Amino acid sequence: MSTPIRFDSADFPENDAEEIWREGLDAIFEIQRPKDPPAPFSAKMESWPLGSMLLMSHVVRGDVEFQRTRRRIATSGVDHYLVHCLLDGTLMSTFGRDIQQVSLGSVVVRDLVVENVGFTRDAPMLTLTIPRQGIDRRTGGALRMHGLSWEAADPIGLLIASHMRSLVSVASSMDDEQARVAGEATLDFVAACVLRRAERWEQPGDPRLTPVIRAQALSFIEGNLADMSLGPARLREILKVSRTALYELFEPMGGVAEYVRARRLDEAMRRLESPLHARDLIGAIACAVGFMSESTFNRAFKERFGCTPTEARKRRAAVVMVGAASPRDDSSRSRDARGVGFRTAATIRSLGG
């Protein structure tokens, strides 16, 4: 049988419970809860791996703010979509200038490369965590999915929500092979629903080719961040497209130059927070991600993340030192609790399409 990862705050002391709950979601969000007055913590979370994706049933009581910041996007190591089904309570999200109030029973998609802030209040929900490649290889890739939603009265939305509820009802009784088959079938179903809705958002031109070319462009950028010549001219040469076509491909992302600059800075942040690059000089990291000048890199980094590269590295070092200095609780109950948070975060990070 498939063994779920279960967490119930009632099983542990309140301070331990909240710490482990946060650890489990740290792979995705920075989390804020009311501090004045402090609200009692109560949460439940249950997760089932389904092949290349994760199914989760979860609720936290009271008001909670879930932030997907530039820093978290750059350092979390996850590139997934979340598909939420709201069962009760309140869920609202802001991204850019948009505010989305999610209605009960509806289904909504979140793209984890998009900065956004979610607000929940007593909101039990079901969530599918799906790696980007799991959707992209079924749709052609690079669809504008963030904020995509189906109301509860929409027949397609009703089908997706019903399917998610059915998965929860049988997930614990499936063996690993059945879970894998269920996951693959669910991916096929969700991708088909998304593709039908997202086609309306395509840029001008052949809708069959646009997502494929965009996916090729993004893949080339990821593999060539250190190339100083990476830019519009280089991409036009590689993709064999016109200046106008390239502009249309990257217009939703702010343009080629802005997208390349953002990805270089995100990769720099990842390296600054990675133990594997702890001995690398900041100038070497700047050069490795395509910046010719360390001073230019420093200015761009602070503009994007609100801190200098040196400050980012020091904060990471401080977190590591605090963790190493924290007294260990040797009770088996505490170790089990910490195991739940670690396993949840590790499962989210390890998902593959």
Protein backbone atom coordinates (compact mmCIF):
# COMPACT_ATOMS: atom_id res chain seq x y z
CA MET A 1 0.00 0.00 0.00
CA SER A 2 1.06 3.61 -0.60
CA THR A 3 2.17 5.15 2.72
CA PRO A 4 1.12 8.79 3.12
CA ILE A 5 3.14 11.40 4.96
CA ARG A 6 0.87 12.56 7.80
CA PHE A 7 1.13 15.57 10.10
CA ASP A 8 -1.30 16.69 12.82
CA SER A 9 -0.30 19.57 15.08
CA ALA A 10 -2.40 18.06 17.90
CA ASP A 11 0.17 15.25 18.22
CA PHE A 12 3.02 17.57 19.26
CA PRO A 13 3.81 20.58 21.48
CA GLU A 14 2.65 23.76 19.74
CA ASN A 15 6.09 25.28 19.13
CA ASP A 16 7.46 22.02 17.73
CA ALA A 17 4.38 21.49 15.58
CA GLU A 18 4.56 24.89 13.90
CA GLU A 19 8.28 24.56 13.27
CA ILE A 20 7.85 21.20 11.54
CA TRP A 21 4.85 22.37 9.54
CA ARG A 22 6.89 25.32 8.27
CA GLU A 23 9.79 23.01 7.43
CA GLY A 24 7.50 20.90 5.26
CA LEU A 25 6.35 23.92 3.21
CA ASP A 26 9.70 25.71 3.18
CA ALA A 27 10.45 24.19 -0.23
CA ILE A 28 7.76 26.46 -1.67
CA PHE A 29 6.76 29.39 0.55
CA GLU A 30 7.85 31.98 3.04
CA ILE A 31 5.06 31.96 5.64
CA GLN A 32 3.68 34.70 7.89
CA ARG A 33 1.17 34.24 10.73
CA PRO A 34 -0.32 36.89 13.06
CA LYS A 35 2.08 37.88 15.84
CA ASP A 36 0.01 40.47 17.72
CA PRO A 37 -1.79 38.84 19.33
CA PRO A 38 -0.20 35.45 18.54
CA ALA A 39 -2.74 32.99 17.22
CA PRO A 40 -2.82 29.38 18.48
CA PHE A 41 -1.38 27.05 15.88
CA SER A 42 -3.48 24.22 14.46
CA ALA A 43 -2.84 22.39 11.19
CA LYS A 44 -3.19 19.03 9.46
CA MET A 45 -1.39 17.84 6.37
CA GLU A 46 -1.43 14.52 4.51
CA SER A 47 0.55 13.80 1.34
CA TRP A 48 0.62 10.94 -1.16
CA PRO A 49 3.31 10.57 -3.86
CA LEU A 50 1.63 9.64 -7.15
CA GLY A 51 4.45 8.83 -9.52
CA SER A 52 5.97 12.13 -10.64
CA MET A 53 3.61 14.37 -8.67
CA LEU A 54 2.32 14.85 -5.12
CA LEU A 55 -1.27 14.91 -3.85
CA MET A 56 -1.85 16.79 -0.60
CA SER A 57 -4.81 17.42 1.73
CA HIS A 58 -4.10 20.24 4.14
CA VAL A 59 -5.59 22.91 6.40
CA VAL A 60 -4.25 25.47 8.84
CA ARG A 61 -6.54 27.38 11.16
CA GLY A 62 -6.69 31.17 11.29
CA ASP A 63 -5.04 33.69 8.98
CA VAL A 64 -1.90 32.72 7.07
CA GLU A 65 0.09 34.50 4.38
CA PHE A 66 2.03 32.33 1.90
CA GLN A 67 4.67 34.31 -0.01
CA ARG A 68 6.35 33.15 -3.19
CA THR A 69 9.12 35.76 -3.37
CA ARG A 70 11.93 36.27 -5.86
CA ARG A 71 14.35 34.99 -3.26
CA ARG A 72 12.34 31.83 -2.65
CA ILE A 73 11.90 31.23 -6.39
CA ALA A 74 15.65 31.52 -6.90
CA THR A 75 16.72 29.30 -4.01
CA SER A 76 13.97 26.73 -3.40
CA GLY A 77 15.00 24.31 -6.12
CA VAL A 78 11.43 23.66 -7.24
CA ASP A 79 9.89 24.48 -10.61
CA HIS A 80 6.33 23.23 -10.26
CA TYR A 81 2.68 24.07 -10.76
CA LEU A 82 0.19 23.86 -7.90
CA VAL A 83 -3.41 22.93 -8.65
CA HIS A 84 -5.65 23.85 -5.69
CA CYS A 85 -9.22 22.83 -4.97
CA LEU A 86 -10.70 25.00 -2.18
CA LEU A 87 -13.03 23.04 0.10
CA ASP A 88 -13.95 25.73 2.66
CA GLY A 89 -12.83 29.04 4.14
CA THR A 90 -11.13 31.87 2.26
CA LEU A 91 -8.34 31.90 -0.32
CA MET A 92 -7.13 35.04 -2.07
CA SER A 93 -4.00 35.63 -4.14
CA THR A 94 -2.21 38.72 -5.41
CA PHE A 95 0.31 38.74 -8.26
CA GLY A 96 1.46 41.91 -9.96
CA ARG A 97 -1.59 44.17 -10.13
CA ASP A 98 -4.02 41.26 -10.12
CA ILE A 99 -6.10 40.09 -7.16
CA GLN A 100 -7.85 36.73 -7.40
CA GLN A 101 -10.54 35.70 -4.92
CA VAL A 102 -10.99 31.93 -5.13
CA SER A 103 -14.54 30.67 -4.68
CA LEU A 104 -15.50 27.51 -2.82
CA GLY A 105 -15.26 24.30 -4.81
CA SER A 106 -13.33 25.94 -7.63
CA VAL A 107 -9.95 24.87 -9.01
CA VAL A 108 -7.06 27.30 -9.51
CA VAL A 109 -3.53 26.94 -10.89
CA ARG A 110 -0.41 28.58 -9.47
CA ASP A 111 2.90 28.77 -11.37
CA LEU A 112 5.79 28.73 -8.89
CA VAL A 113 8.03 30.89 -11.08
CA VAL A 114 5.57 33.78 -10.61
CA GLU A 115 5.91 36.06 -7.60
CA ASN A 116 2.65 35.98 -5.64
CA VAL A 117 1.19 36.19 -2.17
CA GLY A 118 -1.65 33.92 -1.04
CA PHE A 119 -3.91 34.68 1.94
CA THR A 120 -5.91 31.91 3.59
CA ARG A 121 -8.32 31.80 6.50
CA ASP A 122 -9.53 28.43 7.82
CA ALA A 123 -9.12 27.05 4.29
CA PRO A 124 -8.97 23.26 3.89
CA MET A 125 -7.91 22.41 0.35
CA LEU A 126 -6.57 19.69 -1.90
CA THR A 127 -3.43 20.36 -3.92
CA LEU A 128 -1.64 18.63 -6.77
CA THR A 129 2.03 19.58 -6.97
CA ILE A 130 3.11 18.95 -10.56
CA PRO A 131 6.64 19.44 -11.96
CA ARG A 132 6.71 21.81 -14.91
CA GLN A 133 8.04 19.19 -17.34
CA GLY A 134 5.11 16.91 -16.47
CA ILE A 135 2.74 19.45 -18.03
CA ASP A 136 5.11 20.85 -20.67
CA ARG A 137 5.79 17.55 -22.41
CA ARG A 138 2.03 17.05 -22.78
CA THR A 139 1.20 20.58 -23.97
CA GLY A 140 4.26 21.86 -25.85
CA GLY A 141 5.35 23.97 -22.90
CA ALA A 142 5.46 27.57 -21.69
CA LEU A 143 1.71 28.11 -21.37
CA ARG A 144 0.53 31.08 -19.33
CA MET A 145 -1.07 29.10 -16.54
CA HIS A 146 -0.73 31.22 -13.41
CA GLY A 147 -4.19 32.22 -12.16
CA LEU A 148 -6.01 29.87 -14.52
CA SER A 149 -9.21 28.75 -12.80
CA TRP A 150 -12.43 26.83 -13.18
CA GLU A 151 -15.48 27.70 -11.09
CA ALA A 152 -17.34 24.97 -9.22
CA ALA A 153 -20.25 25.31 -11.66
CA ASP A 154 -17.98 24.82 -14.68
CA PRO A 155 -18.32 21.18 -15.86
CA ILE A 156 -14.55 20.91 -16.36
CA GLY A 157 -13.88 22.44 -12.95
CA LEU A 158 -16.36 20.02 -11.39
CA LEU A 159 -14.59 17.11 -13.06
CA ILE A 160 -11.14 18.19 -11.84
CA ALA A 161 -12.38 18.80 -8.28
CA SER A 162 -14.22 15.47 -8.21
CA HIS A 163 -11.15 13.68 -9.50
CA MET A 164 -8.97 15.22 -6.78
CA ARG A 165 -11.46 14.18 -4.10
CA SER A 166 -11.56 10.65 -5.53
CA LEU A 167 -7.77 10.43 -5.49
CA VAL A 168 -7.69 11.35 -1.79
CA SER A 169 -10.31 8.71 -1.00
CA VAL A 170 -8.29 5.88 -2.59
CA ALA A 171 -4.67 7.07 -2.36
CA SER A 172 -3.84 5.19 0.84
CA SER A 173 -5.16 1.91 -0.56
CA MET A 174 -3.07 1.96 -3.77
CA ASP A 175 0.26 0.22 -4.15
CA ASP A 176 3.19 2.04 -5.75
CA GLU A 177 2.41 0.89 -9.28
CA GLN A 178 -1.25 1.87 -8.98
CA ALA A 179 -0.21 5.25 -7.59
CA ARG A 180 2.12 5.77 -10.55
CA VAL A 181 -0.62 4.88 -13.05
CA ALA A 182 -3.09 7.17 -11.27
CA GLY A 183 -0.55 9.99 -11.34
CA GLU A 184 0.16 9.61 -15.05
CA ALA A 185 -3.55 9.50 -15.87
CA THR A 186 -4.14 12.60 -13.75
CA LEU A 187 -1.36 14.46 -15.54
CA ASP A 188 -2.87 13.57 -18.92
CA PHE A 189 -6.28 14.79 -17.71
CA VAL A 190 -5.05 18.05 -16.18
CA ALA A 191 -2.84 18.83 -19.21
CA ALA A 192 -5.80 18.34 -21.57
CA CYS A 193 -7.96 20.70 -19.49
CA VAL A 194 -5.20 23.31 -19.24
CA LEU A 195 -4.35 23.20 -22.94
CA ARG A 196 -7.95 23.86 -23.94
CA ARG A 197 -8.15 26.94 -21.70
CA ALA A 198 -4.62 28.24 -22.25
CA GLU A 199 -4.90 28.21 -26.06
CA ARG A 200 -6.96 31.37 -25.80
CA TRP A 201 -3.91 33.17 -24.40
CA GLU A 202 -1.50 32.30 -27.20
CA GLN A 203 0.54 35.05 -28.84
CA PRO A 204 -0.13 35.87 -32.52
CA GLY A 205 1.11 33.23 -34.94
CA ASP A 206 0.71 29.50 -35.30
CA PRO A 207 -0.44 28.24 -31.86
CA ARG A 208 1.11 24.85 -32.59
CA LEU A 209 4.61 26.33 -32.97
CA THR A 210 4.72 29.20 -30.47
CA PRO A 211 4.97 27.13 -27.26
CA VAL A 212 7.53 24.80 -28.84
CA ILE A 213 9.79 27.66 -29.94
CA ARG A 214 9.42 29.40 -26.59
CA ALA A 215 10.36 26.20 -24.78
CA GLN A 216 13.45 25.88 -27.02
CA ALA A 217 14.39 29.48 -26.23
CA LEU A 218 14.07 29.01 -22.48
CA SER A 219 16.06 25.79 -22.59
CA PHE A 220 18.87 27.48 -24.55
CA ILE A 221 18.98 30.37 -22.07
CA GLU A 222 19.21 28.02 -19.08
CA GLY A 223 22.16 26.22 -20.63
CA ASN A 224 24.05 29.37 -21.64
CA LEU A 225 23.71 31.87 -18.79
CA ALA A 226 27.50 32.30 -18.66
CA ASP A 227 27.69 33.25 -22.36
CA MET A 228 28.32 37.01 -22.49
CA SER A 229 26.82 37.15 -26.00
CA LEU A 230 23.47 35.73 -24.84
CA GLY A 231 20.77 38.13 -25.96
CA PRO A 232 18.18 38.83 -28.67
CA ALA A 233 20.61 38.57 -31.59
CA ARG A 234 22.01 35.24 -30.39
CA LEU A 235 18.53 33.81 -29.82
CA ARG A 236 17.31 34.91 -33.26
CA GLU A 237 20.32 33.13 -34.76
CA ILE A 238 19.65 29.90 -32.81
CA LEU A 239 15.86 29.85 -33.21
CA LYS A 240 15.76 31.15 -36.80
CA VAL A 241 12.99 33.64 -36.00
CA SER A 242 12.45 37.31 -36.80
CA ARG A 243 12.91 40.20 -34.36
CA THR A 244 9.11 40.59 -34.21
CA ALA A 245 8.52 36.89 -33.51
CA LEU A 246 11.13 36.92 -30.74
CA TYR A 247 9.52 40.00 -29.18
CA GLU A 248 6.12 38.25 -29.19
CA LEU A 249 7.62 35.17 -27.54
CA PHE A 250 9.12 37.13 -24.64
CA GLU A 251 6.68 40.03 -24.30
CA PRO A 252 4.80 38.29 -21.41
CA MET A 253 8.15 37.93 -19.57
CA GLY A 254 9.24 41.57 -19.97
CA GLY A 255 11.46 41.01 -22.98
CA VAL A 256 14.52 38.90 -23.75
CA ALA A 257 17.07 41.08 -21.97
CA GLU A 258 14.99 41.35 -18.79
CA TYR A 259 14.31 37.60 -18.70
CA VAL A 260 17.98 36.69 -19.22
CA ARG A 261 19.06 39.19 -16.54
CA ALA A 262 16.51 37.79 -14.07
CA ARG A 263 17.59 34.19 -14.66
CA ARG A 264 21.27 35.12 -14.24
CA LEU A 265 20.52 36.81 -10.91
CA ASP A 266 18.37 33.90 -9.72
CA GLU A 267 21.18 31.48 -10.50
CA ALA A 268 23.61 33.74 -8.65
CA MET A 269 21.38 33.71 -5.57
CA ARG A 270 21.14 29.91 -5.75
CA ARG A 271 24.93 29.65 -5.79
CA LEU A 272 25.37 32.13 -2.96
CA GLU A 273 23.08 30.04 -0.76
CA SER A 274 24.48 26.67 -1.83
CA PRO A 275 27.10 24.92 0.36
CA LEU A 276 28.69 23.65 -2.87
CA HIS A 277 29.67 27.24 -3.75
CA ALA A 278 30.51 28.48 -0.26
CA ARG A 279 34.18 29.03 -1.19
CA ASP A 280 33.48 30.75 -4.53
CA LEU A 281 34.35 34.45 -4.69
CA ILE A 282 31.41 36.73 -5.44
CA GLY A 283 33.24 38.02 -8.51
CA ALA A 284 33.65 34.45 -9.75
CA ILE A 285 29.93 33.79 -9.28
CA ALA A 286 29.09 37.00 -11.15
CA CYS A 287 31.31 35.92 -14.05
CA ALA A 288 29.87 32.38 -14.01
CA VAL A 289 26.35 33.71 -14.57
CA GLY A 290 27.31 36.12 -17.35
CA PHE A 291 28.14 39.46 -15.69
CA MET A 292 31.34 41.14 -16.97
CA SER A 293 31.52 43.61 -14.07
CA GLU A 294 31.20 42.77 -10.37
CA SER A 295 29.95 46.28 -9.60
CA THR A 296 27.21 45.95 -12.24
CA PHE A 297 26.30 42.56 -10.81
CA ASN A 298 26.12 43.97 -7.26
CA ARG A 299 23.77 46.77 -8.30
CA ALA A 300 21.50 44.45 -10.29
CA PHE A 301 21.45 41.89 -7.47
CA LYS A 302 20.42 44.46 -4.85
CA GLU A 303 17.73 45.84 -7.15
CA ARG A 304 16.22 42.37 -7.60
CA PHE A 305 16.57 40.95 -4.08
CA GLY A 306 16.84 43.99 -1.81
CA CYS A 307 20.24 42.97 -0.43
CA THR A 308 23.84 42.75 -1.66
CA PRO A 309 25.41 39.41 -2.62
CA THR A 310 27.60 39.63 0.51
CA GLU A 311 24.54 40.16 2.72
CA ALA A 312 22.74 37.23 1.08
CA ARG A 313 25.71 34.93 1.76
CA LYS A 314 26.03 36.14 5.38
CA ARG A 315 22.35 35.55 6.06
CA ARG A 316 22.67 32.00 4.76
CA ALA A 317 25.74 31.41 6.93
CA ALA A 318 23.88 32.77 9.97
CA VAL A 319 20.98 30.40 9.40
CA VAL A 320 23.35 27.44 9.17
CA MET A 321 25.15 28.47 12.38
CA VAL A 322 21.89 28.91 14.29
CA GLY A 323 20.73 25.48 13.14
CA ALA A 324 24.00 23.89 14.22
CA ALA A 325 23.90 25.61 17.62
CA SER A 326 20.27 24.80 18.41
CA PRO A 327 19.87 22.25 21.22
CA ARG A 328 18.66 18.88 20.00
CA ASP A 329 15.56 17.32 21.45
CA ASP A 330 16.37 13.64 21.86
CA SER A 331 12.82 12.43 22.37
CA SER A 332 11.64 10.01 19.69
CA ARG A 333 8.44 12.05 19.38
CA SER A 334 10.37 15.19 18.42
CA ARG A 335 12.54 13.26 15.95
CA ASP A 336 9.42 11.83 14.33
CA ALA A 337 7.92 15.31 14.00
CA ARG A 338 11.04 16.70 12.38
CA GLY A 339 11.07 13.71 10.07
CA VAL A 340 7.59 14.60 8.79
CA GLY A 341 8.63 18.11 7.81
CA PHE A 342 11.87 16.99 6.21
CA ARG A 343 10.19 14.18 4.25
CA THR A 344 7.48 16.51 2.94
CA ALA A 345 9.99 19.12 1.75
CA ALA A 346 12.30 16.47 0.27
CA THR A 347 9.42 14.86 -1.64
CA ILE A 348 8.36 18.21 -3.12
CA ARG A 349 11.92 18.98 -4.24
CA SER A 350 12.47 15.53 -5.75
CA LEU A 351 9.40 15.51 -8.00
CA GLY A 352 10.19 14.87 -11.65
CA GLY A 353 8.06 14.74 -14.76
